[in-house]
Protein backbone atom coordinates (compact mmCIF):
# COMPACT_ATOMS: atom_id res chain seq x y z
CA MET A 1 -44.57 24.28 -20.19
CA LYS A 2 -40.89 24.15 -20.57
CA GLY A 3 -40.36 23.21 -24.41
CA LEU A 4 -42.91 20.64 -24.69
CA SER A 5 -41.47 20.26 -28.46
CA SER A 6 -38.26 19.88 -27.23
CA ILE A 7 -39.29 17.39 -24.92
CA PHE A 8 -41.28 15.13 -27.74
CA ALA A 9 -38.32 15.54 -29.76
CA ALA A 10 -35.73 14.14 -27.15
CA LEU A 11 -38.82 11.55 -26.41
CA LEU A 12 -39.28 10.20 -29.80
CA ALA A 13 -35.43 9.83 -29.78
CA VAL A 14 -35.56 7.50 -26.93
CA VAL A 15 -38.28 5.50 -27.82
CA VAL A 16 -36.82 4.73 -31.17
CA SER A 17 -33.31 4.43 -30.23
CA GLY A 18 -32.92 1.54 -28.66
CA CYS A 19 -34.71 -1.43 -30.68
CA TYR A 20 -32.73 -3.71 -32.77
CA ASP A 21 -34.90 -6.61 -33.26
CA LYS A 22 -38.15 -5.85 -35.26
CA ALA A 23 -37.88 -5.34 -39.21
CA ASP A 24 -38.34 -1.53 -40.58
CA SER A 25 -41.79 -0.69 -42.48
CA SER A 26 -40.51 2.62 -43.77
CA THR A 27 -42.43 3.43 -46.93
CA SER A 28 -40.83 6.80 -47.26
CA ASN A 29 -37.10 7.84 -47.86
CA LEU A 30 -37.47 9.78 -44.77
CA PRO A 31 -35.11 8.45 -41.57
CA LEU A 32 -37.62 7.31 -38.59
CA LEU A 33 -36.93 10.47 -37.24
CA ARG A 34 -35.02 13.98 -37.91
CA THR A 35 -35.54 17.03 -35.79
CA HIS A 36 -33.35 20.50 -35.64
CA PHE A 37 -34.01 22.63 -32.46
CA ALA A 38 -32.51 25.83 -32.00
CA GLY A 39 -32.83 25.31 -28.21
CA MET A 40 -34.93 27.47 -25.38
CA THR A 41 -32.00 29.49 -24.78
CA GLN A 42 -32.01 30.84 -28.03
CA VAL A 43 -36.13 31.17 -27.84
CA ILE A 44 -36.00 33.17 -24.72
CA GLN A 45 -33.02 35.50 -25.63
CA GLY A 46 -35.43 36.62 -28.81
CA THR A 47 -38.07 38.97 -28.74
CA ASN A 48 -40.57 36.41 -30.58
CA ALA A 49 -42.72 34.17 -29.57
CA SER A 50 -43.69 36.20 -26.29
CA LYS A 51 -46.09 33.67 -24.90
CA LEU A 52 -44.20 30.71 -24.97
CA ARG A 53 -41.80 33.08 -23.14
CA ASP A 54 -43.68 33.92 -20.66
CA VAL A 55 -44.84 30.42 -19.80
CA TRP A 56 -41.12 28.90 -19.90
CA ALA A 57 -40.61 31.91 -17.18
CA LEU A 58 -43.10 29.68 -14.53
CA PRO A 59 -42.28 28.17 -11.62
CA ALA A 60 -44.44 25.24 -12.37
CA SER A 61 -42.80 24.82 -16.31
CA GLN A 62 -39.79 24.29 -13.95
CA ASP A 63 -41.37 21.48 -12.26
CA VAL A 64 -43.14 19.60 -15.23
CA ARG A 65 -40.12 19.56 -17.17
CA LYS A 66 -38.27 18.28 -14.25
CA GLN A 67 -40.51 15.93 -13.55
CA ALA A 68 -40.96 14.80 -17.89
CA LEU A 69 -36.86 14.76 -18.02
CA ASP A 70 -36.62 12.52 -15.10
CA LYS A 71 -38.87 9.77 -16.09
CA ILE A 72 -37.11 10.09 -19.83
CA SER A 73 -33.78 9.46 -18.58
CA SER A 74 -34.74 5.93 -17.93
CA ALA A 75 -36.12 5.00 -21.02
CA PRO A 76 -32.62 4.47 -22.91
CA PHE A 77 -31.94 1.38 -20.60
CA GLN A 78 -35.28 -0.13 -20.85
CA LEU A 79 -35.79 0.16 -24.78
CA TRP A 80 -31.96 -1.17 -25.15
CA GLN A 81 -31.70 -3.44 -22.24
CA LYS A 82 -32.19 -6.63 -24.45
CA SER A 83 -29.59 -5.53 -26.99
CA LEU A 84 -26.79 -4.97 -24.03
CA PRO A 85 -24.20 -7.49 -22.51
CA ALA A 86 -25.70 -9.47 -19.87
CA GLY A 87 -25.48 -7.87 -16.54
CA ALA A 88 -25.77 -3.75 -17.68
CA GLN A 89 -27.20 -1.80 -15.01
CA ASN A 90 -29.37 1.59 -15.57
CA ASN A 91 -27.52 4.64 -14.60
CA ALA A 92 -29.96 7.19 -15.73
CA LYS A 93 -28.50 9.72 -13.37
CA LEU A 94 -25.82 9.71 -15.71
CA LEU A 95 -28.45 10.64 -19.12
CA ARG A 96 -30.80 13.04 -16.87
CA PRO A 97 -28.13 16.29 -17.33
CA LEU A 98 -27.64 15.56 -21.00
CA LEU A 99 -31.50 16.04 -21.62
CA ASP A 100 -31.76 19.41 -19.90
CA ASP A 101 -28.95 20.49 -22.73
CA LEU A 102 -30.99 19.11 -25.89
CA VAL A 103 -34.14 21.16 -23.82
CA THR A 104 -32.08 24.66 -23.58
CA ALA A 105 -29.12 24.14 -26.52
CA GLU A 106 -29.49 24.07 -30.43
CA SER A 107 -29.70 20.42 -31.33
CA PHE A 108 -30.22 17.94 -34.07
CA ILE A 109 -31.17 14.28 -34.00
CA GLU A 110 -31.56 11.77 -36.70
CA LEU A 111 -32.67 8.17 -36.19
CA ASN A 112 -32.49 5.30 -38.67
CA GLY A 113 -34.20 1.79 -38.56
CA ALA A 114 -32.85 -1.56 -40.07
CA LYS A 115 -32.92 -0.34 -43.42
CA ALA A 116 -29.88 1.72 -42.27
CA GLN A 117 -28.77 -0.69 -39.37
CA PHE A 118 -29.69 1.71 -37.27
CA ASP A 119 -26.83 4.34 -38.32
CA SER A 120 -28.23 7.27 -36.06
CA VAL A 121 -26.58 10.51 -34.45
CA ILE A 122 -27.39 13.44 -31.79
CA ALA A 123 -25.89 16.52 -32.07
CA ALA A 124 -25.82 19.50 -29.44
CA GLN A 125 -23.87 22.58 -29.81
CA LEU A 126 -22.07 23.01 -26.12
CA ASP A 127 -19.89 24.54 -24.00
CA ASP A 128 -16.55 23.40 -23.32
CA GLN A 129 -17.74 22.48 -19.83
CA ARG A 130 -20.56 21.05 -20.82
CA ALA A 131 -19.23 19.02 -23.71
CA HIS A 132 -16.86 17.57 -20.93
CA LEU A 133 -19.71 16.66 -19.30
CA TRP A 134 -21.10 14.84 -22.04
CA SER A 135 -17.86 12.87 -22.93
CA THR A 136 -17.66 11.61 -19.14
CA ASN A 137 -21.10 10.97 -18.56
CA LEU A 138 -22.09 8.90 -21.96
CA TRP A 139 -18.71 7.13 -21.08
CA GLN A 140 -19.93 5.95 -17.88
CA THR A 141 -23.03 4.81 -19.08
CA ALA A 142 -21.22 2.78 -21.72
CA MET A 143 -19.46 1.30 -18.92
CA ALA A 144 -22.70 0.41 -16.97
CA TRP A 145 -24.19 -0.93 -20.09
CA LYS A 146 -21.09 -3.11 -20.28
CA PHE A 147 -19.94 -2.17 -23.18
CA PRO A 148 -15.80 -2.42 -23.46
CA ALA A 149 -13.77 0.06 -22.06
CA PRO A 150 -14.18 3.27 -24.92
CA LYS A 151 -10.97 3.96 -26.79
CA PRO A 152 -9.98 7.20 -27.95
CA LEU A 153 -10.44 7.95 -31.44
CA ALA A 154 -7.38 8.32 -33.83
CA THR A 155 -8.27 11.47 -35.51
CA GLY A 156 -10.11 14.15 -33.64
CA SER A 157 -11.32 14.35 -29.96
CA GLY A 158 -13.67 11.69 -28.99
CA TRP A 159 -13.81 8.09 -28.10
CA GLU A 160 -15.52 4.84 -29.76
CA THR A 161 -16.87 1.44 -27.98
CA HIS A 162 -18.41 -1.32 -29.42
CA ALA A 163 -20.57 -4.51 -27.90
CA ASN A 164 -23.13 -7.02 -29.31
CA GLY A 165 -22.94 -5.94 -32.60
CA ILE A 166 -23.49 -1.99 -31.21
CA THR A 167 -20.69 0.45 -32.44
CA LEU A 168 -20.60 3.53 -30.01
CA GLN A 169 -18.57 6.60 -30.74
CA PHE A 170 -18.74 10.09 -29.65
CA GLN A 171 -16.63 13.23 -30.47
CA GLU A 172 -16.51 16.53 -29.76
CA GLN A 173 -16.42 19.16 -33.13
CA LYS A 174 -15.69 22.88 -32.88
CA ASN A 175 -18.47 24.10 -30.27
CA TRP A 176 -20.45 20.97 -30.68
CA VAL A 177 -20.63 17.28 -29.47
CA LEU A 178 -21.73 14.31 -31.83
CA LEU A 179 -23.09 11.09 -30.23
CA GLY A 180 -23.48 8.31 -32.55
CA TRP A 181 -24.48 4.62 -32.79
CA SER A 182 -25.09 1.64 -35.31
CA ALA A 183 -24.98 -1.80 -36.33
CA GLY A 184 -23.25 -1.30 -39.03
CA LYS A 185 -20.68 1.52 -40.48
CA LEU A 186 -20.70 4.99 -38.64
CA LYS A 187 -22.19 7.09 -41.33
CA ALA A 188 -24.58 9.25 -39.90
CA ILE A 189 -22.29 10.83 -37.19
CA ALA A 190 -19.50 11.00 -40.14
CA THR A 191 -20.99 12.82 -41.81
CA LEU A 192 -21.84 15.38 -39.83
CA ALA A 193 -18.54 15.59 -38.27
CA GLU A 194 -17.08 15.99 -41.50
CA THR A 195 -19.13 19.05 -42.36
CA ALA A 196 -18.45 20.81 -39.05
CA VAL A 197 -14.60 20.42 -39.84
CA LYS A 198 -15.10 22.19 -43.48
CA SER A 199 -17.97 24.82 -42.14
CA GLY A 200 -17.58 25.14 -38.25
CA ARG A 201 -21.15 23.82 -37.50
CA PRO A 202 -22.44 19.99 -38.39
CA ILE A 203 -25.43 21.28 -39.73
CA PRO A 204 -26.96 24.43 -41.60
CA ALA A 205 -28.29 27.20 -39.30
CA SER A 206 -31.90 27.45 -39.48
CA MET A 207 -34.07 29.92 -41.13
CA GLY A 208 -35.78 31.39 -38.33
CA SER A 209 -37.64 28.72 -37.15
CA ILE A 210 -37.37 26.62 -33.60
CA LEU A 211 -38.08 23.37 -34.81
CA GLU A 212 -38.40 20.92 -37.74
CA LEU A 213 -39.62 17.75 -36.93
CA ASP A 214 -39.75 15.10 -39.69
CA ALA A 215 -41.19 11.45 -38.68
CA ASP A 216 -42.22 8.45 -40.35
CA PHE A 217 -44.41 7.35 -38.13
CA PRO A 218 -45.58 4.20 -39.70
CA ALA A 219 -41.89 2.97 -39.29
CA ILE A 220 -41.84 4.13 -35.51
CA SER A 221 -45.16 1.96 -35.33
CA ARG A 222 -43.18 -1.00 -35.63
CA TYR A 223 -41.19 0.01 -32.47
CA ASN A 224 -43.80 1.57 -30.04
CA PRO A 225 -46.99 0.18 -29.71
CA LEU A 226 -48.09 3.48 -27.97
CA ILE A 227 -47.55 5.24 -31.54
CA ALA A 228 -49.12 2.21 -32.95
CA LYS A 229 -52.45 3.10 -32.01
CA PHE A 230 -52.68 6.54 -33.43
CA HIS A 231 -52.17 5.13 -37.14
CA LEU A 232 -50.55 8.36 -37.85
CA PRO A 233 -49.13 9.12 -40.77
CA VAL A 234 -45.52 10.41 -42.11
CA SER A 235 -45.57 13.92 -40.89
CA GLN A 236 -43.41 16.81 -41.16
CA PHE A 237 -43.47 19.71 -38.97
CA ILE A 238 -42.13 23.12 -39.09
CA ILE A 239 -42.55 25.59 -35.93
CA SER A 240 -41.39 29.05 -36.16
CA PRO A 241 -42.70 32.46 -34.63
CA HIS A 242 -45.74 34.56 -35.82
CA ARG A 243 -45.07 37.13 -37.49
CA ASP A 244 -47.42 39.10 -34.89
CA GLY A 245 -44.48 38.40 -32.23
CA GLU A 246 -46.72 36.82 -29.56
CA TYR A 247 -47.66 33.47 -31.37
CA LEU A 248 -46.51 30.42 -32.86
CA ARG A 249 -46.98 29.25 -36.41
CA THR A 250 -46.87 25.46 -36.96
CA GLU A 251 -47.19 24.24 -40.35
CA GLY A 252 -47.61 20.73 -41.10
CA LYS A 253 -48.03 18.19 -43.66
CA PHE A 254 -48.86 14.84 -43.71
CA ILE A 255 -48.24 12.30 -46.44
CA LEU A 256 -51.08 9.50 -46.80
CA ALA A 257 -50.48 5.70 -47.53
CA GLN A 258 -53.39 5.70 -49.97
CA PRO A 259 -55.61 8.79 -51.60
CA LEU A 260 -58.15 10.20 -49.51
CA LYS A 261 -61.14 9.46 -51.80
CA TRP A 262 -63.32 12.70 -50.40
CA LYS A 263 -65.60 15.10 -52.49
CA PHE A 264 -66.04 18.20 -51.06
CA GLU A 265 -69.67 18.95 -49.32
CA PRO A 266 -71.44 22.30 -48.24
CA TRP A 267 -71.07 22.87 -44.45
CA LYS A 268 -74.33 22.65 -42.71
CA ILE A 269 -74.46 24.74 -39.73
CA PRO A 270 -77.28 24.59 -36.99
CA THR A 271 -76.43 28.50 -36.72
CA ASN A 272 -79.94 28.52 -34.61
CA HIS A 273 -78.74 26.48 -32.13
CA ILE A 274 -75.04 28.11 -31.70
CA SER A 275 -74.83 30.75 -28.83
CA ASP A 276 -72.65 33.30 -28.14
CA PRO A 277 -70.18 33.39 -25.98
CA LEU A 278 -68.36 30.64 -27.65
CA VAL A 279 -65.07 29.47 -26.54
CA SER A 280 -64.62 26.96 -29.36
CA PHE A 281 -65.91 26.83 -32.99
CA THR A 282 -65.38 23.48 -34.71
CA VAL A 283 -65.99 21.96 -38.09
CA ALA A 284 -64.79 18.81 -40.01
CA GLN A 285 -65.02 16.77 -42.70
CA PRO A 286 -64.81 13.60 -44.32
CA ILE A 287 -65.68 11.85 -40.84
CA ALA A 288 -67.75 8.75 -41.80
CA ALA A 289 -64.51 6.26 -41.59
CA ALA A 290 -63.47 7.85 -38.07
CA LEU A 291 -67.14 7.37 -36.71
CA GLU A 292 -67.26 3.82 -37.93
CA SER A 293 -63.84 2.90 -36.44
CA ILE A 294 -65.18 3.70 -32.74
CA PRO A 295 -66.35 -0.13 -31.51
CA GLY A 296 -70.02 -0.55 -31.14
CA PHE A 297 -70.97 2.40 -34.22
CA ARG A 298 -72.03 -0.08 -36.42
CA ASP A 299 -74.43 -1.54 -34.39
CA LEU A 300 -75.98 1.31 -33.15
CA GLY A 301 -78.05 1.02 -36.73
CA ILE A 302 -77.72 4.64 -38.27
CA VAL A 303 -78.28 4.25 -41.85
CA LYS A 304 -76.82 6.81 -42.90
CA THR A 305 -73.16 7.59 -40.82
CA PRO A 306 -72.76 11.36 -40.93
CA THR A 307 -69.97 12.78 -42.96
CA GLN A 308 -68.66 16.22 -41.29
CA VAL A 309 -69.78 17.63 -37.81
CA CYS A 310 -69.82 20.82 -36.60
CA GLY A 311 -68.87 21.61 -33.00
CA TRP A 312 -68.79 24.42 -30.37
CA SER A 313 -68.16 24.97 -26.60
CA GLN A 314 -70.12 27.88 -24.83
CA GLY A 315 -68.69 30.02 -22.18
CA SER A 316 -71.69 30.48 -19.76
CA GLY A 317 -70.68 26.63 -18.33
CA THR A 318 -67.96 24.61 -18.19
CA PHE A 319 -69.31 21.24 -20.08
CA ARG A 320 -71.68 23.48 -22.41
CA THR A 321 -69.57 21.70 -25.12
CA TYR A 322 -71.87 20.53 -28.42
CA TRP A 323 -71.37 18.62 -31.58
CA ALA A 324 -74.25 18.41 -34.19
CA PHE A 325 -73.96 15.70 -36.63
CA PRO A 326 -75.94 16.06 -40.15
CA SER A 327 -78.58 13.28 -40.28
CA PRO A 328 -81.67 12.84 -42.12
CA ASP A 329 -84.97 12.07 -40.66
CA ALA A 330 -82.74 12.86 -37.19
CA SER A 331 -86.33 11.96 -34.65
CA ASN A 332 -86.11 8.56 -36.08
CA THR A 333 -82.60 8.00 -36.39
CA LEU A 334 -82.79 8.54 -32.49
CA HIS A 335 -85.34 6.33 -31.93
CA ARG A 336 -83.91 3.51 -33.71
CA VAL A 337 -80.50 3.98 -31.46
CA GLY A 338 -81.68 4.62 -28.28
CA PRO A 339 -82.18 1.15 -27.22
CA LYS A 340 -78.75 0.29 -28.10
CA LEU A 341 -76.96 2.91 -26.54
CA GLU A 342 -76.42 1.18 -22.94
CA GLY A 343 -75.07 -1.53 -24.84
CA PHE A 344 -72.50 0.86 -26.78
CA ILE A 345 -71.54 2.87 -23.19
CA LYS A 346 -71.06 -0.32 -21.71
CA ARG A 347 -67.89 -1.43 -24.10
CA PHE A 348 -66.34 1.37 -22.62
CA LEU A 349 -67.54 1.56 -19.08
CA GLU A 350 -68.33 -1.53 -17.66
CA LYS A 351 -70.25 -0.78 -14.74
CA PRO A 352 -72.33 3.15 -16.24
CA PRO A 353 -73.61 5.02 -13.36
CA GLY A 354 -77.10 6.57 -13.31
CA GLY A 355 -79.05 5.66 -16.52
CA LEU A 356 -80.65 6.54 -19.66
CA ILE A 357 -83.96 8.55 -19.91
CA ASP A 358 -85.77 9.10 -23.45
CA VAL A 359 -87.45 11.91 -23.32
CA THR A 360 -89.72 11.60 -26.49
CA ASN A 361 -91.73 14.95 -26.17
CA ARG A 362 -88.47 16.35 -26.70
CA SER A 363 -86.59 14.20 -29.07
CA GLN A 364 -83.96 13.68 -26.83
CA ILE A 365 -81.99 10.88 -24.72
CA VAL A 366 -80.34 12.12 -21.05
CA TRP A 367 -77.60 10.18 -19.52
CA GLN A 368 -78.43 11.03 -15.78
CA GLY A 369 -76.05 10.24 -12.43
CA LEU A 370 -72.74 11.29 -13.84
CA PRO A 371 -70.88 13.58 -11.58
CA LEU A 372 -71.10 17.52 -13.30
CA MET A 373 -72.17 16.57 -16.68
CA ILE A 374 -75.87 15.41 -18.24
CA PRO A 375 -75.06 13.94 -21.56
CA SER A 376 -77.60 13.59 -23.57
CA LEU A 377 -78.66 12.68 -27.63
CA SER A 378 -81.43 15.33 -29.25
CA ALA A 379 -82.86 15.60 -32.40
CA ILE A 380 -82.90 19.07 -33.41
CA SER A 381 -83.82 21.25 -37.09
CA SER A 382 -82.19 23.84 -38.36
CA GLY A 383 -83.20 25.40 -41.77
CA ASP A 384 -83.72 22.84 -44.25
CA SER A 385 -81.35 20.11 -42.70
CA ASP A 386 -81.79 17.66 -39.70
CA TYR A 387 -79.24 17.10 -37.22
CA ILE A 388 -78.30 14.68 -34.06
CA LEU A 389 -77.12 16.71 -31.60
CA ALA A 390 -74.32 15.43 -28.47
CA GLY A 391 -73.77 17.23 -26.06
CA LEU A 392 -72.41 17.19 -22.25
CA LEU A 393 -75.57 19.51 -21.12
CA PRO A 394 -78.93 19.42 -22.47
CA PRO A 395 -78.83 22.28 -25.00
CA ALA A 396 -79.98 25.59 -23.68
CA PRO A 397 -81.82 28.10 -25.25
CA THR A 398 -79.78 30.35 -28.30
CA THR A 399 -79.43 33.73 -26.75
CA LYS A 400 -76.73 35.52 -29.10
CA GLN A 401 -76.21 33.65 -32.35
CA ALA A 402 -72.12 32.83 -33.38
CA PRO A 403 -70.93 36.41 -34.92
CA ARG A 404 -71.09 36.25 -38.75
CA GLU A 405 -66.90 36.89 -39.02
CA LEU A 406 -66.16 33.27 -37.78
CA LEU A 407 -68.76 31.78 -40.43
CA ALA A 408 -67.10 33.42 -43.08
CA GLN A 409 -63.47 32.05 -42.37
CA PHE A 410 -64.36 28.64 -43.78
CA GLU A 411 -67.18 29.38 -46.27
CA GLY A 412 -66.39 28.87 -49.57
CA ARG A 413 -63.19 26.69 -48.94
CA THR A 414 -63.36 23.21 -51.17
CA ASN A 415 -60.53 22.13 -50.28
CA LEU A 416 -60.64 22.80 -46.16
CA LEU A 417 -61.16 19.75 -44.56
CA SER A 418 -60.81 21.54 -40.69
CA TYR A 419 -61.08 24.46 -38.94
CA ASP A 420 -60.92 24.92 -35.41
CA TRP A 421 -61.19 27.87 -33.16
CA GLU A 422 -60.60 27.89 -29.76
CA ILE A 423 -59.64 30.10 -26.56
CA THR A 424 -57.11 28.34 -25.43
CA GLU A 425 -57.35 28.93 -21.56
CA ASN A 426 -60.87 27.52 -21.23
CA ARG A 427 -60.46 24.39 -23.38
CA LEU A 428 -57.33 23.27 -21.43
CA THR A 429 -59.45 23.78 -18.19
CA GLN A 430 -62.43 22.03 -19.87
CA ALA A 431 -60.38 19.24 -20.52
CA LYS A 432 -58.74 18.91 -17.30
CA LEU A 433 -62.12 18.41 -15.70
CA LEU A 434 -63.48 16.39 -18.46
CA TYR A 435 -60.33 13.84 -17.77
CA GLN A 436 -61.29 14.04 -14.23
CA ILE A 437 -64.59 12.90 -14.25
CA VAL A 438 -63.29 10.14 -16.55
CA ASP A 439 -61.28 8.85 -13.66
CA MET A 440 -64.14 9.19 -10.96
CA THR A 441 -66.78 7.42 -13.35
CA HIS A 442 -63.85 4.51 -13.64
CA LEU A 443 -63.32 4.72 -9.68
CA ARG A 444 -59.54 6.21 -10.34
CA THR A 445 -57.50 7.91 -8.53
CA LEU A 446 -57.60 11.80 -9.17
CA VAL A 447 -54.16 13.39 -9.68
CA GLY A 448 -53.52 15.75 -6.68
CA THR A 449 -53.79 19.77 -6.79
CA ASN A 450 -50.21 19.60 -6.02
CA ALA A 451 -48.91 17.71 -8.43
CA PRO A 452 -46.94 19.62 -10.84
CA THR A 453 -48.80 19.43 -14.20
CA ALA A 454 -51.81 20.42 -12.10
CA LYS A 455 -50.34 23.73 -11.25
CA TRP A 456 -48.70 24.09 -14.35
CA VAL A 457 -52.64 24.53 -15.84
CA GLU A 458 -53.18 27.20 -12.57
CA GLN A 459 -50.44 29.21 -13.63
CA ALA A 460 -49.94 28.99 -17.49
CA ALA A 461 -53.86 28.92 -18.66
CA ARG A 462 -54.38 32.60 -17.70
CA LYS A 463 -51.44 33.11 -20.34
CA LEU A 464 -52.89 31.19 -23.09
CA GLY A 465 -54.30 33.13 -25.69
CA ASN A 466 -56.14 31.69 -28.88
CA THR A 467 -55.33 28.50 -30.99
CA VAL A 468 -56.48 28.32 -34.85
CA THR A 469 -56.17 25.24 -37.05
CA GLU A 470 -56.76 24.70 -40.62
CA VAL A 471 -56.32 21.48 -42.20
CA THR A 472 -56.54 21.21 -45.98
CA LEU A 473 -55.87 18.79 -48.91
CA ASP A 474 -53.03 20.21 -51.05
CA SER A 475 -53.41 16.70 -52.96
CA PRO A 476 -54.85 13.53 -53.00
CA LYS A 477 -51.99 12.15 -50.79
CA GLU A 478 -51.33 15.33 -49.07
CA LEU A 479 -52.93 17.05 -46.23
CA LYS A 480 -51.50 20.63 -44.73
CA LEU A 481 -51.71 21.45 -41.67
CA VAL A 482 -51.43 25.58 -40.47
CA ARG A 483 -51.61 26.48 -36.88
CA LYS A 484 -51.16 29.77 -34.69
CA SER A 485 -51.18 29.20 -31.26
CA PRO A 486 -49.13 29.92 -27.81
CA MET A 487 -47.63 27.21 -27.12
CA GLY A 488 -48.00 24.81 -30.52
CA LEU A 489 -50.81 22.78 -29.22
CA THR A 490 -54.35 22.74 -28.76
CA GLY A 491 -56.10 23.09 -24.67
CA PHE A 492 -57.39 19.29 -25.61
CA GLU A 493 -53.57 17.93 -26.98
CA LEU A 494 -51.81 19.86 -23.59
CA ALA A 495 -54.45 17.93 -21.08
CA SER A 496 -53.85 15.18 -22.95
CA VAL A 497 -49.66 15.54 -22.95
CA LEU A 498 -49.85 16.77 -19.07
CA ARG A 499 -51.82 13.53 -18.12
CA TRP A 500 -49.51 11.24 -20.37
CA MET A 501 -46.48 12.52 -18.16
CA ASP A 502 -48.57 11.71 -15.13
CA SER A 503 -48.70 7.93 -16.06
CA GLN A 504 -46.74 5.08 -14.67
CA GLY A 505 -45.96 4.19 -18.03
CA PHE A 506 -44.42 7.74 -19.50
CA PRO A 507 -42.73 7.70 -21.56
CA LEU A 508 -42.62 4.48 -23.54
CA ASP A 509 -46.54 3.59 -22.73
CA TYR A 510 -49.74 5.46 -21.14
CA GLN A 511 -51.45 3.73 -17.97
CA PRO A 512 -54.54 5.23 -16.80
CA PRO A 513 -54.64 6.11 -12.93
CA PRO A 514 -54.62 3.41 -10.54
CA PRO A 515 -57.84 2.78 -9.05
CA ALA A 516 -59.42 4.72 -6.00
CA LYS A 517 -58.49 3.42 -2.32
CA HIS A 518 -61.91 5.38 -2.01
CA THR A 519 -64.73 6.99 -3.59
CA PRO A 520 -62.58 10.51 -5.04
CA PRO A 521 -64.46 14.27 -4.15
CA ALA A 522 -65.64 15.97 -7.20
CA PRO A 523 -63.29 18.36 -9.10
CA LYS A 524 -63.24 21.35 -8.18
CA ILE A 525 -64.79 23.75 -11.33
CA PRO A 526 -63.05 26.80 -11.56
CA ALA A 527 -65.04 30.26 -11.17
CA LYS A 528 -66.55 31.99 -14.42
């Protein structure tokens, strides 16, 4: 996929750039959003991040990028419309080619909220031809949005216009274009212009990174309900080529609003139930708060909410994915939960297909009647611990235990909250099929096999290698993420972004696929 990170940055820019009617709830000293992107032209001309470059060159990557940016080009008008003069018109075709430049060229974005009077700026390093296109298209966009005819700047190359309390200014400095807007003074664009005059660049050159992103998500949530749903903390990311030359290295920092009350617990791993060949393996703690936030979880009658989880997926079947939750007296817990499961499921699915079967001689509850999957809950034991085992298929006998080298990656690390390893090709395919089954269960229209996102999965999956993610607690209010990956995202994250791109609400919202006109066919399971 072409420049997922840059598309995301451009997307966040339009998500928050046009909202002038809400108070800023920022609790950090960061702007709403700040990004510095090296541009995909620089990435593909380099010798590192070879897996990203390979995926970039795929025909399907071209199509996915076009689909995403075509939709994003209409978002600025949708967001600014209430703040614009009467009669303003959407002219997305003028903004569309500028988004291409934000993907390919080096760029900088800084967006500020109400506390800074929304003073914001976008900068891109462009040649004269593209700079002229930006000036022309932005000028025409301002006119379509019913701004007065822009006036040339008294000094330098550029123009400015003002309407409804919003000042919009465009400048050309050296080989950079600058676009600034504000409900007050234009400080951000003035600062960048001054720096460009002195040093030839409005911003310092990056020190080898591909993308640097700072986001005050709690404040951004005030402007976008979709982001608000995820309750994300203030976050900072740096994505760079990994030293091996093939992969990307992501370093993330999450600044929590409240200290995390957590004391490390020794990992409990049901080793005699984990069978090779594996395509993923995960451990995480603490998880009690996340489980209890699920609607209906507290009604299940679980006396002690699990505080950690171990998950894995086997390569011997598409849906052999399991999660083991340490649970004292697991058999009795499952017995209490069983009668309440149907009500729990109906919170998410009004008319669930099939039915639940209590297999008492196995301490197991099986959900039959779903396409391709047979979800189950089982009470199991391993060593001196009991577990509730959730699976998309009933567990199969263990034939070959997980390699000791895998378990050694996280043992003894008392500040580790989460460790995740996966073969991203397998996990991407599994996630895509799982989403299809969810849509089938809800009788929704399935994305066609000729859709750009479907073709991208088909072409790109085999080029993806492994992804390893670790999250540690650096201090009570700061988490650190380190990831080695081919694309910067896990398989499930990639599938989720693709699904979002297919949504009619993209990029400002997410809407599930519309109801199907007839029963959709079962998704095709790829050959092993």
